[in-house]
Amino acid sequence: MLKHRGFPGRLPGTDFQYIIRRPNPKGVTPITKRERYRDRRPADKRADAGFMKALWECFGDQPFERGNLDAGRLSWLFGREVVAVDDPFDPESYDSLLVIDVDVARRSFPEAFEG
């Protein structure tokens, strides 16, 4: 499992994690597409925006390996702002390649691309 050095571990001041420390001994948590409803808590929305900002600052528009990125947090963005590079995509592989769909991400999280 690739560890993304320099990637923030969590949203500052919260328990919303962005990375995992070690592989899950029970098996890899799959990445799935999660529906984001309008009534989500503001803290959840900030966590998504912070994660997108961290992804953008670390990887830009280049493909990246899932590695130690948290599957739960990725699942909130997967299929919209973050898409699979591999075809077929293996949602249970730490080696799967992903990429930011920049146009969709800018519309969804404009604050992540400022400054």
PDB file of N, CA and C in Angstrom:
ATOM      1  N   MET A   1       0.852  -1.179   0.000  1.00  0.00           N
ATOM      2  CA  MET A   1       0.000   0.000   0.000  1.00  0.00           C
ATOM      3  C   MET A   1       0.893   1.236   0.000  1.00  0.00           C
ATOM      4  N   LEU A   2       0.728   2.061  -1.017  1.00  0.00           N
ATOM      5  CA  LEU A   2       1.476   3.310  -1.115  1.00  0.00           C
ATOM      6  C   LEU A   2       0.987   4.287  -0.056  1.00  0.00           C
ATOM      7  N   LYS A   3       1.937   4.886   0.668  1.00  0.00           N
ATOM      8  CA  LYS A   3       1.589   5.927   1.635  1.00  0.00           C
ATOM      9  C   LYS A   3       1.896   7.271   0.998  1.00  0.00           C
ATOM     10  N   HIS A   4       0.889   8.120   0.943  1.00  0.00           N
ATOM     11  CA  HIS A   4       1.037   9.437   0.334  1.00  0.00           C
ATOM     12  C   HIS A   4       1.645  10.388   1.360  1.00  0.00           C
ATOM     13  N   ARG A   5       2.950  10.529   1.303  1.00  0.00           N
ATOM     14  CA  ARG A   5       3.669  11.407   2.229  1.00  0.00           C
ATOM     15  C   ARG A   5       3.273  12.856   1.979  1.00  0.00           C
ATOM     16  N   GLY A   6       3.061  13.584   3.054  1.00  0.00           N
ATOM     17  CA  GLY A   6       2.695  14.983   2.945  1.00  0.00           C
ATOM     18  C   GLY A   6       1.208  15.232   2.813  1.00  0.00           C
ATOM     19  N   PHE A   7       0.428  14.174   2.619  1.00  0.00           N
ATOM     20  CA  PHE A   7      -1.027  14.334   2.504  1.00  0.00           C
ATOM     21  C   PHE A   7      -1.588  14.506   3.917  1.00  0.00           C
ATOM     22  N   PRO A   8      -2.485  15.476   4.149  1.00  0.00           N
ATOM     23  CA  PRO A   8      -3.010  15.673   5.504  1.00  0.00           C
ATOM     24  C   PRO A   8      -3.747  14.440   6.010  1.00  0.00           C
ATOM     25  N   GLY A   9      -3.579  14.134   7.285  1.00  0.00           N
ATOM     26  CA  GLY A   9      -4.207  12.963   7.877  1.00  0.00           C
ATOM     27  C   GLY A   9      -5.687  13.122   8.114  1.00  0.00           C
ATOM     28  N   ARG A  10      -6.113  14.361   8.339  1.00  0.00           N
ATOM     29  CA  ARG A  10      -7.520  14.624   8.629  1.00  0.00           C
ATOM     30  C   ARG A  10      -7.823  16.100   8.426  1.00  0.00           C
ATOM     31  N   LEU A  11      -9.116  16.436   8.461  1.00  0.00           N
ATOM     32  CA  LEU A  11      -9.521  17.838   8.413  1.00  0.00           C
ATOM     33  C   LEU A  11      -9.112  18.472   9.739  1.00  0.00           C
ATOM     34  N   PRO A  12      -8.325  19.535   9.708  1.00  0.00           N
ATOM     35  CA  PRO A  12      -7.851  20.139  10.962  1.00  0.00           C
ATOM     36  C   PRO A  12      -8.994  20.460  11.925  1.00  0.00           C
ATOM     37  N   GLY A  13      -8.783  20.093  13.183  1.00  0.00           N
ATOM     38  CA  GLY A  13      -9.746  20.389  14.232  1.00  0.00           C
ATOM     39  C   GLY A  13     -10.936  19.443  14.288  1.00  0.00           C
ATOM     40  N   THR A  14     -10.914  18.360  13.502  1.00  0.00           N
ATOM     41  CA  THR A  14     -12.034  17.425  13.478  1.00  0.00           C
ATOM     42  C   THR A  14     -11.519  15.985  13.517  1.00  0.00           C
ATOM     43  N   ASP A  15     -12.439  15.048  13.541  1.00  0.00           N
ATOM     44  CA  ASP A  15     -12.098  13.630  13.453  1.00  0.00           C
ATOM     45  C   ASP A  15     -12.379  13.054  12.068  1.00  0.00           C
ATOM     46  N   PHE A  16     -12.564  13.910  11.066  1.00  0.00           N
ATOM     47  CA  PHE A  16     -12.780  13.438   9.698  1.00  0.00           C
ATOM     48  C   PHE A  16     -11.432  13.054   9.112  1.00  0.00           C
ATOM     49  N   GLN A  17     -11.168  11.747   8.995  1.00  0.00           N
ATOM     50  CA  GLN A  17      -9.861  11.301   8.517  1.00  0.00           C
ATOM     51  C   GLN A  17      -9.798  11.262   6.997  1.00  0.00           C
ATOM     52  N   TYR A  18      -8.583  11.489   6.492  1.00  0.00           N
ATOM     53  CA  TYR A  18      -8.327  11.480   5.060  1.00  0.00           C
ATOM     54  C   TYR A  18      -7.461  10.294   4.639  1.00  0.00           C
ATOM     55  N   ILE A  19      -6.642   9.790   5.555  1.00  0.00           N
ATOM     56  CA  ILE A  19      -5.776   8.662   5.223  1.00  0.00           C
ATOM     57  C   ILE A  19      -5.907   7.585   6.294  1.00  0.00           C
ATOM     58  N   ILE A  20      -5.475   6.378   5.932  1.00  0.00           N
ATOM     59  CA  ILE A  20      -5.421   5.298   6.903  1.00  0.00           C
ATOM     60  C   ILE A  20      -3.956   5.011   7.198  1.00  0.00           C
ATOM     61  N   ARG A  21      -3.678   4.489   8.372  1.00  0.00           N
ATOM     62  CA  ARG A  21      -2.290   4.256   8.783  1.00  0.00           C
ATOM     63  C   ARG A  21      -1.719   2.960   8.231  1.00  0.00           C
ATOM     64  N   ARG A  22      -2.575   1.919   8.163  1.00  0.00           N
ATOM     65  CA  ARG A  22      -2.099   0.605   7.733  1.00  0.00           C
ATOM     66  C   ARG A  22      -3.217  -0.112   6.998  1.00  0.00           C
ATOM     67  N   PRO A  23      -2.865  -1.106   6.208  1.00  0.00           N
ATOM     68  CA  PRO A  23      -3.897  -1.885   5.503  1.00  0.00           C
ATOM     69  C   PRO A  23      -4.830  -2.587   6.487  1.00  0.00           C
ATOM     70  N   ASN A  24      -6.067  -2.743   6.108  1.00  0.00           N
ATOM     71  CA  ASN A  24      -7.058  -3.424   6.929  1.00  0.00           C
ATOM     72  C   ASN A  24      -6.776  -4.927   6.896  1.00  0.00           C
ATOM     73  N   PRO A  25      -6.509  -5.539   8.055  1.00  0.00           N
ATOM     74  CA  PRO A  25      -6.192  -6.976   8.043  1.00  0.00           C
ATOM     75  C   PRO A  25      -7.374  -7.858   7.623  1.00  0.00           C
ATOM     76  N   LYS A  26      -8.581  -7.344   7.689  1.00  0.00           N
ATOM     77  CA  LYS A  26      -9.772  -8.109   7.310  1.00  0.00           C
ATOM     78  C   LYS A  26     -10.074  -8.006   5.816  1.00  0.00           C
ATOM     79  N   GLY A  27      -9.323  -7.183   5.118  1.00  0.00           N
ATOM     80  CA  GLY A  27      -9.558  -6.981   3.688  1.00  0.00           C
ATOM     81  C   GLY A  27      -9.670  -5.507   3.366  1.00  0.00           C
ATOM     82  N   VAL A  28      -9.527  -5.197   2.111  1.00  0.00           N
ATOM     83  CA  VAL A  28      -9.559  -3.806   1.655  1.00  0.00           C
ATOM     84  C   VAL A  28     -10.998  -3.304   1.625  1.00  0.00           C
ATOM     85  N   THR A  29     -11.220  -2.129   2.191  1.00  0.00           N
ATOM     86  CA  THR A  29     -12.539  -1.509   2.135  1.00  0.00           C
ATOM     87  C   THR A  29     -12.771  -1.015   0.710  1.00  0.00           C
ATOM     88  N   PRO A  30     -13.849  -1.455   0.069  1.00  0.00           N
ATOM     89  CA  PRO A  30     -14.074  -1.040  -1.322  1.00  0.00           C
ATOM     90  C   PRO A  30     -14.511   0.425  -1.432  1.00  0.00           C
ATOM     91  N   ILE A  31     -14.153   1.040  -2.543  1.00  0.00           N
ATOM     92  CA  ILE A  31     -14.638   2.388  -2.856  1.00  0.00           C
ATOM     93  C   ILE A  31     -15.974   2.219  -3.567  1.00  0.00           C
ATOM     94  N   THR A  32     -16.987   2.914  -3.092  1.00  0.00           N
ATOM     95  CA  THR A  32     -18.310   2.874  -3.710  1.00  0.00           C
ATOM     96  C   THR A  32     -18.788   4.300  -3.923  1.00  0.00           C
ATOM     97  N   LYS A  33     -19.735   4.468  -4.808  1.00  0.00           N
ATOM     98  CA  LYS A  33     -20.308   5.803  -5.027  1.00  0.00           C
ATOM     99  C   LYS A  33     -21.380   6.046  -3.967  1.00  0.00           C
ATOM    100  N   ARG A  34     -21.184   7.077  -3.153  1.00  0.00           N
ATOM    101  CA  ARG A  34     -22.154   7.444  -2.123  1.00  0.00           C
ATOM    102  C   ARG A  34     -22.925   8.675  -2.578  1.00  0.00           C
ATOM    103  N   GLU A  35     -24.202   8.658  -2.325  1.00  0.00           N
ATOM    104  CA  GLU A  35     -25.056   9.790  -2.700  1.00  0.00           C
ATOM    105  C   GLU A  35     -24.911  10.907  -1.669  1.00  0.00           C
ATOM    106  N   ARG A  36     -24.662  12.126  -2.152  1.00  0.00           N
ATOM    107  CA  ARG A  36     -24.581  13.290  -1.256  1.00  0.00           C
ATOM    108  C   ARG A  36     -25.907  14.038  -1.335  1.00  0.00           C
ATOM    109  N   TYR A  37     -26.638  14.015  -0.254  1.00  0.00           N
ATOM    110  CA  TYR A  37     -27.931  14.692  -0.213  1.00  0.00           C
ATOM    111  C   TYR A  37     -27.750  16.132   0.249  1.00  0.00           C
ATOM    112  N   ARG A  38     -28.684  16.980  -0.110  1.00  0.00           N
ATOM    113  CA  ARG A  38     -28.592  18.406   0.209  1.00  0.00           C
ATOM    114  C   ARG A  38     -28.634  18.690   1.704  1.00  0.00           C
ATOM    115  N   ASP A  39     -29.228  17.796   2.486  1.00  0.00           N
ATOM    116  CA  ASP A  39     -29.367  18.050   3.919  1.00  0.00           C
ATOM    117  C   ASP A  39     -28.189  17.525   4.748  1.00  0.00           C
ATOM    118  N   ARG A  40     -27.049  17.260   4.090  1.00  0.00           N
ATOM    119  CA  ARG A  40     -25.867  16.829   4.840  1.00  0.00           C
ATOM    120  C   ARG A  40     -25.418  17.920   5.795  1.00  0.00           C
ATOM    121  N   ARG A  41     -24.804  17.493   6.869  1.00  0.00           N
ATOM    122  CA  ARG A  41     -24.336  18.449   7.879  1.00  0.00           C
ATOM    123  C   ARG A  41     -23.237  19.344   7.293  1.00  0.00           C
ATOM    124  N   PRO A  42     -23.180  20.593   7.747  1.00  0.00           N
ATOM    125  CA  PRO A  42     -22.129  21.491   7.268  1.00  0.00           C
ATOM    126  C   PRO A  42     -20.723  20.938   7.513  1.00  0.00           C
ATOM    127  N   ALA A  43     -20.515  20.251   8.619  1.00  0.00           N
ATOM    128  CA  ALA A  43     -19.193  19.675   8.900  1.00  0.00           C
ATOM    129  C   ALA A  43     -18.823  18.627   7.854  1.00  0.00           C
ATOM    130  N   ASP A  44     -19.794  17.829   7.419  1.00  0.00           N
ATOM    131  CA  ASP A  44     -19.532  16.831   6.374  1.00  0.00           C
ATOM    132  C   ASP A  44     -19.167  17.507   5.056  1.00  0.00           C
ATOM    133  N   LYS A  45     -19.843  18.590   4.743  1.00  0.00           N
ATOM    134  CA  LYS A  45     -19.550  19.331   3.516  1.00  0.00           C
ATOM    135  C   LYS A  45     -18.150  19.945   3.565  1.00  0.00           C
ATOM    136  N   ARG A  46     -17.758  20.465   4.749  1.00  0.00           N
ATOM    137  CA  ARG A  46     -16.408  21.020   4.905  1.00  0.00           C
ATOM    138  C   ARG A  46     -15.350  19.929   4.749  1.00  0.00           C
ATOM    139  N   ALA A  47     -15.646  18.736   5.278  1.00  0.00           N
ATOM    140  CA  ALA A  47     -14.706  17.621   5.156  1.00  0.00           C
ATOM    141  C   ALA A  47     -14.516  17.237   3.689  1.00  0.00           C
ATOM    142  N   ASP A  48     -15.596  17.198   2.923  1.00  0.00           N
ATOM    143  CA  ASP A  48     -15.498  16.894   1.494  1.00  0.00           C
ATOM    144  C   ASP A  48     -14.675  17.954   0.767  1.00  0.00           C
ATOM    145  N   ALA A  49     -14.953  19.222   1.057  1.00  0.00           N
ATOM    146  CA  ALA A  49     -14.228  20.316   0.402  1.00  0.00           C
ATOM    147  C   ALA A  49     -12.753  20.296   0.790  1.00  0.00           C
ATOM    148  N   GLY A  50     -12.462  20.042   2.057  1.00  0.00           N
ATOM    149  CA  GLY A  50     -11.072  19.966   2.503  1.00  0.00           C
ATOM    150  C   GLY A  50     -10.330  18.814   1.864  1.00  0.00           C
ATOM    151  N   PHE A  51     -11.007  17.673   1.719  1.00  0.00           N
ATOM    152  CA  PHE A  51     -10.396  16.513   1.080  1.00  0.00           C
ATOM    153  C   PHE A  51     -10.115  16.800  -0.391  1.00  0.00           C
ATOM    154  N   MET A  52     -11.069  17.430  -1.063  1.00  0.00           N
ATOM    155  CA  MET A  52     -10.871  17.781  -2.475  1.00  0.00           C
ATOM    156  C   MET A  52      -9.696  18.745  -2.615  1.00  0.00           C
ATOM    157  N   LYS A  53      -9.600  19.713  -1.725  1.00  0.00           N
ATOM    158  CA  LYS A  53      -8.481  20.667  -1.772  1.00  0.00           C
ATOM    159  C   LYS A  53      -7.154  19.936  -1.591  1.00  0.00           C
ATOM    160  N   ALA A  54      -7.106  18.995  -0.649  1.00  0.00           N
ATOM    161  CA  ALA A  54      -5.878  18.231  -0.415  1.00  0.00           C
ATOM    162  C   ALA A  54      -5.524  17.378  -1.635  1.00  0.00           C
ATOM    163  N   LEU A  55      -6.532  16.747  -2.254  1.00  0.00           N
ATOM    164  CA  LEU A  55      -6.286  15.964  -3.463  1.00  0.00           C
ATOM    165  C   LEU A  55      -5.722  16.856  -4.568  1.00  0.00           C
ATOM    166  N   TRP A  56      -6.322  18.019  -4.760  1.00  0.00           N
ATOM    167  CA  TRP A  56      -5.892  18.929  -5.814  1.00  0.00           C
ATOM    168  C   TRP A  56      -4.459  19.415  -5.569  1.00  0.00           C
ATOM    169  N   GLU A  57      -4.160  19.799  -4.326  1.00  0.00           N
ATOM    170  CA  GLU A  57      -2.821  20.296  -4.014  1.00  0.00           C
ATOM    171  C   GLU A  57      -1.760  19.205  -4.151  1.00  0.00           C
ATOM    172  N   CYS A  58      -2.125  17.987  -3.863  1.00  0.00           N
ATOM    173  CA  CYS A  58      -1.170  16.883  -3.903  1.00  0.00           C
ATOM    174  C   CYS A  58      -1.006  16.296  -5.308  1.00  0.00           C
ATOM    175  N   PHE A  59      -2.115  16.149  -6.053  1.00  0.00           N
ATOM    176  CA  PHE A  59      -2.073  15.429  -7.325  1.00  0.00           C
ATOM    177  C   PHE A  59      -2.427  16.265  -8.549  1.00  0.00           C
ATOM    178  N   GLY A  60      -3.131  17.366  -8.365  1.00  0.00           N
ATOM    179  CA  GLY A  60      -3.552  18.172  -9.511  1.00  0.00           C
ATOM    180  C   GLY A  60      -4.422  17.356 -10.451  1.00  0.00           C
ATOM    181  N   ASP A  61      -4.186  17.489 -11.742  1.00  0.00           N
ATOM    182  CA  ASP A  61      -5.000  16.769 -12.725  1.00  0.00           C
ATOM    183  C   ASP A  61      -4.355  15.444 -13.160  1.00  0.00           C
ATOM    184  N   GLN A  62      -3.349  14.999 -12.427  1.00  0.00           N
ATOM    185  CA  GLN A  62      -2.635  13.767 -12.762  1.00  0.00           C
ATOM    186  C   GLN A  62      -3.258  12.549 -12.071  1.00  0.00           C
ATOM    187  N   PRO A  63      -3.199  11.382 -12.694  1.00  0.00           N
ATOM    188  CA  PRO A  63      -3.694  10.164 -12.045  1.00  0.00           C
ATOM    189  C   PRO A  63      -2.898   9.868 -10.778  1.00  0.00           C
ATOM    190  N   PHE A  64      -3.579   9.288  -9.798  1.00  0.00           N
ATOM    191  CA  PHE A  64      -2.923   8.941  -8.538  1.00  0.00           C
ATOM    192  C   PHE A  64      -3.410   7.582  -8.060  1.00  0.00           C
ATOM    193  N   GLU A  65      -2.562   6.946  -7.295  1.00  0.00           N
ATOM    194  CA  GLU A  65      -2.869   5.638  -6.735  1.00  0.00           C
ATOM    195  C   GLU A  65      -3.690   5.820  -5.463  1.00  0.00           C
ATOM    196  N   ARG A  66      -4.672   4.959  -5.276  1.00  0.00           N
ATOM    197  CA  ARG A  66      -5.502   5.027  -4.074  1.00  0.00           C
ATOM    198  C   ARG A  66      -4.647   4.960  -2.814  1.00  0.00           C
ATOM    199  N   GLY A  67      -3.744   3.996  -2.741  1.00  0.00           N
ATOM    200  CA  GLY A  67      -2.833   3.887  -1.608  1.00  0.00           C
ATOM    201  C   GLY A  67      -3.531   3.945  -0.268  1.00  0.00           C
ATOM    202  N   ASN A  68      -3.042   4.822   0.610  1.00  0.00           N
ATOM    203  CA  ASN A  68      -3.596   4.910   1.957  1.00  0.00           C
ATOM    204  C   ASN A  68      -4.688   5.972   2.106  1.00  0.00           C
ATOM    205  N   LEU A  69      -5.255   6.438   1.001  1.00  0.00           N
ATOM    206  CA  LEU A  69      -6.367   7.389   1.091  1.00  0.00           C
ATOM    207  C   LEU A  69      -7.599   6.663   1.630  1.00  0.00           C
ATOM    208  N   ASP A  70      -8.336   7.310   2.494  1.00  0.00           N
ATOM    209  CA  ASP A  70      -9.489   6.695   3.155  1.00  0.00           C
ATOM    210  C   ASP A  70     -10.603   6.388   2.155  1.00  0.00           C
ATOM    211  N   ALA A  71     -11.024   5.127   2.126  1.00  0.00           N
ATOM    212  CA  ALA A  71     -12.061   4.693   1.179  1.00  0.00           C
ATOM    213  C   ALA A  71     -13.389   5.381   1.449  1.00  0.00           C
ATOM    214  N   GLY A  72     -13.721   5.581   2.700  1.00  0.00           N
ATOM    215  CA  GLY A  72     -14.977   6.248   3.028  1.00  0.00           C
ATOM    216  C   GLY A  72     -15.020   7.670   2.498  1.00  0.00           C
ATOM    217  N   ARG A  73     -13.943   8.404   2.695  1.00  0.00           N
ATOM    218  CA  ARG A  73     -13.888   9.796   2.216  1.00  0.00           C
ATOM    219  C   ARG A  73     -13.860   9.834   0.694  1.00  0.00           C
ATOM    220  N   LEU A  74     -13.104   8.926   0.071  1.00  0.00           N
ATOM    221  CA  LEU A  74     -13.084   8.859  -1.399  1.00  0.00           C
ATOM    222  C   LEU A  74     -14.462   8.530  -1.959  1.00  0.00           C
ATOM    223  N   SER A  75     -15.208   7.694  -1.254  1.00  0.00           N
ATOM    224  CA  SER A  75     -16.522   7.263  -1.739  1.00  0.00           C
ATOM    225  C   SER A  75     -17.500   8.424  -1.868  1.00  0.00           C
ATOM    226  N   TRP A  76     -17.336   9.458  -1.052  1.00  0.00           N
ATOM    227  CA  TRP A  76     -18.223  10.619  -1.162  1.00  0.00           C
ATOM    228  C   TRP A  76     -17.977  11.400  -2.450  1.00  0.00           C
ATOM    229  N   LEU A  77     -16.787  11.254  -3.041  1.00  0.00           N
ATOM    230  CA  LEU A  77     -16.433  11.980  -4.265  1.00  0.00           C
ATOM    231  C   LEU A  77     -16.410  11.086  -5.497  1.00  0.00           C
ATOM    232  N   PHE A  78     -16.353   9.777  -5.286  1.00  0.00           N
ATOM    233  CA  PHE A  78     -16.152   8.830  -6.380  1.00  0.00           C
ATOM    234  C   PHE A  78     -17.335   8.823  -7.359  1.00  0.00           C
ATOM    235  N   GLY A  79     -16.993   8.794  -8.630  1.00  0.00           N
ATOM    236  CA  GLY A  79     -18.000   8.754  -9.686  1.00  0.00           C
ATOM    237  C   GLY A  79     -18.462  10.136 -10.116  1.00  0.00           C
ATOM    238  N   ARG A  80     -18.013  11.149  -9.428  1.00  0.00           N
ATOM    239  CA  ARG A  80     -18.333  12.538  -9.793  1.00  0.00           C
ATOM    240  C   ARG A  80     -17.022  13.317  -9.923  1.00  0.00           C
ATOM    241  N   GLU A  81     -16.505  13.798  -8.789  1.00  0.00           N
ATOM    242  CA  GLU A  81     -15.289  14.609  -8.808  1.00  0.00           C
ATOM    243  C   GLU A  81     -14.019  13.770  -8.959  1.00  0.00           C
ATOM    244  N   VAL A  82     -14.057  12.550  -8.480  1.00  0.00           N
ATOM    245  CA  VAL A  82     -12.931  11.615  -8.603  1.00  0.00           C
ATOM    246  C   VAL A  82     -13.426  10.400  -9.383  1.00  0.00           C
ATOM    247  N   VAL A  83     -12.736  10.088 -10.469  1.00  0.00           N
ATOM    248  CA  VAL A  83     -13.153   8.978 -11.328  1.00  0.00           C
ATOM    249  C   VAL A  83     -12.014   7.981 -11.492  1.00  0.00           C
ATOM    250  N   ALA A  84     -12.392   6.776 -11.892  1.00  0.00           N
ATOM    251  CA  ALA A  84     -11.420   5.709 -12.101  1.00  0.00           C
ATOM    252  C   ALA A  84     -10.647   5.920 -13.391  1.00  0.00           C
ATOM    253  N   VAL A  85      -9.375   5.581 -13.379  1.00  0.00           N
ATOM    254  CA  VAL A  85      -8.547   5.589 -14.575  1.00  0.00           C
ATOM    255  C   VAL A  85      -8.559   4.195 -15.184  1.00  0.00           C
ATOM    256  N   ASP A  86      -8.474   3.190 -14.306  1.00  0.00           N
ATOM    257  CA  ASP A  86      -8.417   1.791 -14.743  1.00  0.00           C
ATOM    258  C   ASP A  86      -9.762   1.328 -15.288  1.00  0.00           C
ATOM    259  N   ASP A  87      -9.687   0.499 -16.334  1.00  0.00           N
ATOM    260  CA  ASP A  87     -10.889  -0.140 -16.854  1.00  0.00           C
ATOM    261  C   ASP A  87     -10.539  -1.591 -17.144  1.00  0.00           C
ATOM    262  N   PRO A  88     -11.023  -2.533 -16.392  1.00  0.00           N
ATOM    263  CA  PRO A  88     -12.020  -2.386 -15.331  1.00  0.00           C
ATOM    264  C   PRO A  88     -11.387  -1.877 -14.042  1.00  0.00           C
ATOM    265  N   PHE A  89     -12.176  -1.161 -13.269  1.00  0.00           N
ATOM    266  CA  PHE A  89     -11.744  -0.586 -11.993  1.00  0.00           C
ATOM    267  C   PHE A  89     -11.933  -1.612 -10.884  1.00  0.00           C
ATOM    268  N   ASP A  90     -10.922  -1.781 -10.062  1.00  0.00           N
ATOM    269  CA  ASP A  90     -11.008  -2.680  -8.908  1.00  0.00           C
ATOM    270  C   ASP A  90     -11.201  -1.834  -7.654  1.00  0.00           C
ATOM    271  N   PRO A  91     -12.424  -1.766  -7.115  1.00  0.00           N
ATOM    272  CA  PRO A  91     -12.691  -0.914  -5.956  1.00  0.00           C
ATOM    273  C   PRO A  91     -12.043  -1.411  -4.671  1.00  0.00           C
ATOM    274  N   GLU A  92     -11.478  -2.625  -4.702  1.00  0.00           N
ATOM    275  CA  GLU A  92     -10.864  -3.196  -3.506  1.00  0.00           C
ATOM    276  C   GLU A  92      -9.347  -3.301  -3.618  1.00  0.00           C
ATOM    277  N   SER A  93      -8.739  -2.500  -4.467  1.00  0.00           N
ATOM    278  CA  SER A  93      -7.295  -2.549  -4.629  1.00  0.00           C
ATOM    279  C   SER A  93      -6.660  -1.235  -4.183  1.00  0.00           C
ATOM    280  N   TYR A  94      -5.621  -1.349  -3.368  1.00  0.00           N
ATOM    281  CA  TYR A  94      -4.862  -0.163  -2.973  1.00  0.00           C
ATOM    282  C   TYR A  94      -4.071   0.402  -4.160  1.00  0.00           C
ATOM    283  N   ASP A  95      -3.910  -0.393  -5.222  1.00  0.00           N
ATOM    284  CA  ASP A  95      -3.147   0.027  -6.389  1.00  0.00           C
ATOM    285  C   ASP A  95      -4.003   0.682  -7.469  1.00  0.00           C
ATOM    286  N   SER A  96      -5.318   0.752  -7.284  1.00  0.00           N
ATOM    287  CA  SER A  96      -6.210   1.339  -8.291  1.00  0.00           C
ATOM    288  C   SER A  96      -5.837   2.794  -8.547  1.00  0.00           C
ATOM    289  N   LEU A  97      -5.942   3.175  -9.816  1.00  0.00           N
ATOM    290  CA  LEU A  97      -5.640   4.555 -10.196  1.00  0.00           C
ATOM    291  C   LEU A  97      -6.915   5.374 -10.310  1.00  0.00           C
ATOM    292  N   LEU A  98      -6.840   6.597  -9.787  1.00  0.00           N
ATOM    293  CA  LEU A  98      -7.953   7.547  -9.807  1.00  0.00           C
ATOM    294  C   LEU A  98      -7.441   8.862 -10.368  1.00  0.00           C
ATOM    295  N   VAL A  99      -8.364   9.723 -10.766  1.00  0.00           N
ATOM    296  CA  VAL A  99      -8.003  11.049 -11.243  1.00  0.00           C
ATOM    297  C   VAL A  99      -9.153  12.003 -10.916  1.00  0.00           C
ATOM    298  N   ILE A 100      -8.811  13.259 -10.714  1.00  0.00           N
ATOM    299  CA  ILE A 100      -9.832  14.283 -10.452  1.00  0.00           C
ATOM    300  C   ILE A 100     -10.429  14.718 -11.787  1.00  0.00           C
ATOM    301  N   ASP A 101     -11.764  14.717 -11.871  1.00  0.00           N
ATOM    302  CA  ASP A 101     -12.458  15.311 -13.018  1.00  0.00           C
ATOM    303  C   ASP A 101     -12.533  16.807 -12.696  1.00  0.00           C
ATOM    304  N   VAL A 102     -11.598  17.549 -13.213  1.00  0.00           N
ATOM    305  CA  VAL A 102     -11.392  18.939 -12.809  1.00  0.00           C
ATOM    306  C   VAL A 102     -12.630  19.800 -13.034  1.00  0.00           C
ATOM    307  N   ASP A 103     -13.297  19.659 -14.164  1.00  0.00           N
ATOM    308  CA  ASP A 103     -14.477  20.487 -14.437  1.00  0.00           C
ATOM    309  C   ASP A 103     -15.575  20.246 -13.412  1.00  0.00           C
ATOM    310  N   VAL A 104     -15.862  18.992 -13.117  1.00  0.00           N
ATOM    311  CA  VAL A 104     -16.903  18.660 -12.135  1.00  0.00           C
ATOM    312  C   VAL A 104     -16.473  19.114 -10.744  1.00  0.00           C
ATOM    313  N   ALA A 105     -15.215  18.890 -10.398  1.00  0.00           N
ATOM    314  CA  ALA A 105     -14.715  19.264  -9.074  1.00  0.00           C
ATOM    315  C   ALA A 105     -14.767  20.778  -8.863  1.00  0.00           C
ATOM    316  N   ARG A 106     -14.438  21.546  -9.882  1.00  0.00           N
ATOM    317  CA  ARG A 106     -14.490  23.018  -9.748  1.00  0.00           C
ATOM    318  C   ARG A 106     -15.925  23.506  -9.535  1.00  0.00           C
ATOM    319  N   ARG A 107     -16.877  22.850 -10.180  1.00  0.00           N
ATOM    320  CA  ARG A 107     -18.279  23.240  -9.991  1.00  0.00           C
ATOM    321  C   ARG A 107     -18.767  22.841  -8.586  1.00  0.00           C
ATOM    322  N   SER A 108     -18.359  21.681  -8.115  1.00  0.00           N
ATOM    323  CA  SER A 108     -18.835  21.181  -6.830  1.00  0.00           C
ATOM    324  C   SER A 108     -18.142  21.848  -5.649  1.00  0.00           C
ATOM    325  N   PHE A 109     -16.840  22.110  -5.779  1.00  0.00           N
ATOM    326  CA  PHE A 109     -16.044  22.636  -4.668  1.00  0.00           C
ATOM    327  C   PHE A 109     -15.167  23.810  -5.138  1.00  0.00           C
ATOM    328  N   PRO A 110     -15.769  24.931  -5.522  1.00  0.00           N
ATOM    329  CA  PRO A 110     -14.952  26.034  -6.033  1.00  0.00           C
ATOM    330  C   PRO A 110     -13.940  26.542  -4.996  1.00  0.00           C
ATOM    331  N   GLU A 111     -14.270  26.429  -3.718  1.00  0.00           N
ATOM    332  CA  GLU A 111     -13.371  26.897  -2.666  1.00  0.00           C
ATOM    333  C   GLU A 111     -12.077  26.072  -2.597  1.00  0.00           C
ATOM    334  N   ALA A 112     -12.111  24.862  -3.082  1.00  0.00           N
ATOM    335  CA  ALA A 112     -10.925  24.005  -3.055  1.00  0.00           C
ATOM    336  C   ALA A 112      -9.888  24.433  -4.092  1.00  0.00           C
ATOM    337  N   PHE A 113     -10.293  25.247  -5.056  1.00  0.00           N
ATOM    338  CA  PHE A 113      -9.404  25.629  -6.146  1.00  0.00           C
ATOM    339  C   PHE A 113      -8.992  27.097  -6.052  1.00  0.00           C
ATOM    340  N   GLU A 114      -9.397  27.770  -4.998  1.00  0.00           N
ATOM    341  CA  GLU A 114      -9.028  29.184  -4.814  1.00  0.00           C
ATOM    342  C   GLU A 114      -7.630  29.278  -4.221  1.00  0.00           C
ATOM    343  N   GLY A 115      -6.950  30.328  -4.588  1.00  0.00           N
ATOM    344  CA  GLY A 115      -5.640  30.626  -4.022  1.00  0.00           C
ATOM    345  C   GLY A 115      -4.662  29.619  -4.285  1.00  0.00           C
TER     346      GLY A 115
END
